Amino acid sequence: MPKVAILLASQLDGTAKATTFISELELEDPGEYQSMFKMDKDNFNLILNVVAPSISKQDTVLRQCISPREWLQVSLHYLARG
């Protein structure tokens, strides 16, 4: 299954699979992480710190919001893959 499908599927079923997958990838295989997002984790965190206030949402009674980190990960992966 393509990695973007894993990211999107995990968001749909409400689990933390994407976050776990990306965290493991970041620690275990920095080369694949860089290939996936076209940047290293330091640059990713720099961008996240800049855009997080603009893309943060609040949880509601009906659902948990998607974190700024997850939004940025999915967006960058989409942009990196075209």
Protein backbone atom coordinates (compact mmCIF):
# COMPACT_ATOMS: atom_id res chain seq x y z
CA MET A 1 0.00 0.00 0.00
CA PRO A 2 1.42 3.44 -0.89
CA LYS A 3 2.50 5.55 2.06
CA VAL A 4 0.02 8.34 1.30
CA ALA A 5 -2.77 5.76 1.41
CA ILE A 6 -1.55 4.69 4.84
CA LEU A 7 -1.61 8.30 6.00
CA LEU A 8 -5.10 8.96 4.69
CA ALA A 9 -6.58 5.64 5.78
CA SER A 10 -5.31 6.09 9.30
CA GLN A 11 -6.95 9.51 9.48
CA LEU A 12 -10.26 8.06 8.35
CA ASP A 13 -10.41 5.34 10.97
CA GLY A 14 -9.41 7.73 13.77
CA THR A 15 -6.27 5.92 14.91
CA ALA A 16 -2.76 7.19 15.37
CA LYS A 17 -1.27 4.88 12.73
CA ALA A 18 0.07 7.72 10.58
CA THR A 19 1.71 9.47 13.50
CA THR A 20 3.30 6.23 14.66
CA PHE A 21 4.45 5.35 11.15
CA ILE A 22 6.04 8.75 10.54
CA SER A 23 7.65 8.82 14.00
CA GLU A 24 9.20 5.41 13.42
CA LEU A 25 10.35 6.43 9.96
CA GLU A 26 11.90 9.61 11.32
CA LEU A 27 13.93 7.66 13.90
CA GLU A 28 14.77 4.48 11.99
CA ASP A 29 15.24 5.63 8.40
CA PRO A 30 16.03 9.34 7.98
CA GLY A 31 16.77 8.78 4.29
CA GLU A 32 13.26 7.48 3.61
CA TYR A 33 11.81 10.29 5.72
CA GLN A 34 13.69 12.81 3.60
CA SER A 35 12.55 11.07 0.43
CA MET A 36 8.94 11.11 1.61
CA PHE A 37 8.82 14.82 2.45
CA LYS A 38 11.74 16.10 0.32
CA MET A 39 13.33 17.65 3.43
CA ASP A 40 15.00 16.58 6.64
CA LYS A 41 13.26 16.64 10.01
CA ASP A 42 14.94 19.89 11.08
CA ASN A 43 13.52 21.79 8.10
CA PHE A 44 10.14 20.10 8.62
CA ASN A 45 10.07 21.27 12.24
CA LEU A 46 11.08 24.78 11.20
CA ILE A 47 8.20 24.99 8.73
CA LEU A 48 5.84 23.45 11.28
CA ASN A 49 6.72 26.13 13.84
CA VAL A 50 5.93 28.83 11.28
CA VAL A 51 2.61 27.46 9.97
CA ALA A 52 1.21 25.71 13.06
CA PRO A 53 -0.57 28.78 14.47
CA SER A 54 -2.30 29.32 11.13
CA ILE A 55 -3.50 25.73 10.64
CA SER A 56 -4.38 24.77 14.22
CA LYS A 57 -7.98 23.79 14.88
CA GLN A 58 -9.94 22.97 18.02
CA ASP A 59 -11.40 19.61 18.98
CA THR A 60 -15.17 19.39 19.10
CA VAL A 61 -17.56 17.14 20.95
CA LEU A 62 -18.05 15.10 17.77
CA ARG A 63 -14.46 14.65 16.64
CA GLN A 64 -10.81 15.26 17.32
CA CYS A 65 -9.12 17.66 14.95
CA ILE A 66 -6.15 16.71 12.84
CA SER A 67 -2.96 18.08 14.37
CA PRO A 68 -0.90 20.71 12.52
CA ARG A 69 1.93 18.15 12.29
CA GLU A 70 -0.34 15.64 10.52
CA TRP A 71 -1.78 18.32 8.19
CA LEU A 72 1.72 19.39 7.20
CA GLN A 73 2.91 15.81 6.74
CA VAL A 74 0.04 14.92 4.41
CA SER A 75 0.34 18.21 2.51
CA LEU A 76 4.09 17.94 2.00
CA HIS A 77 3.84 14.31 0.97
CA TYR A 78 1.17 15.19 -1.58
CA LEU A 79 3.23 18.08 -2.93
CA ALA A 80 6.40 15.99 -3.02
CA ARG A 81 4.71 13.24 -5.03
CA GLY A 82 2.73 15.52 -7.35
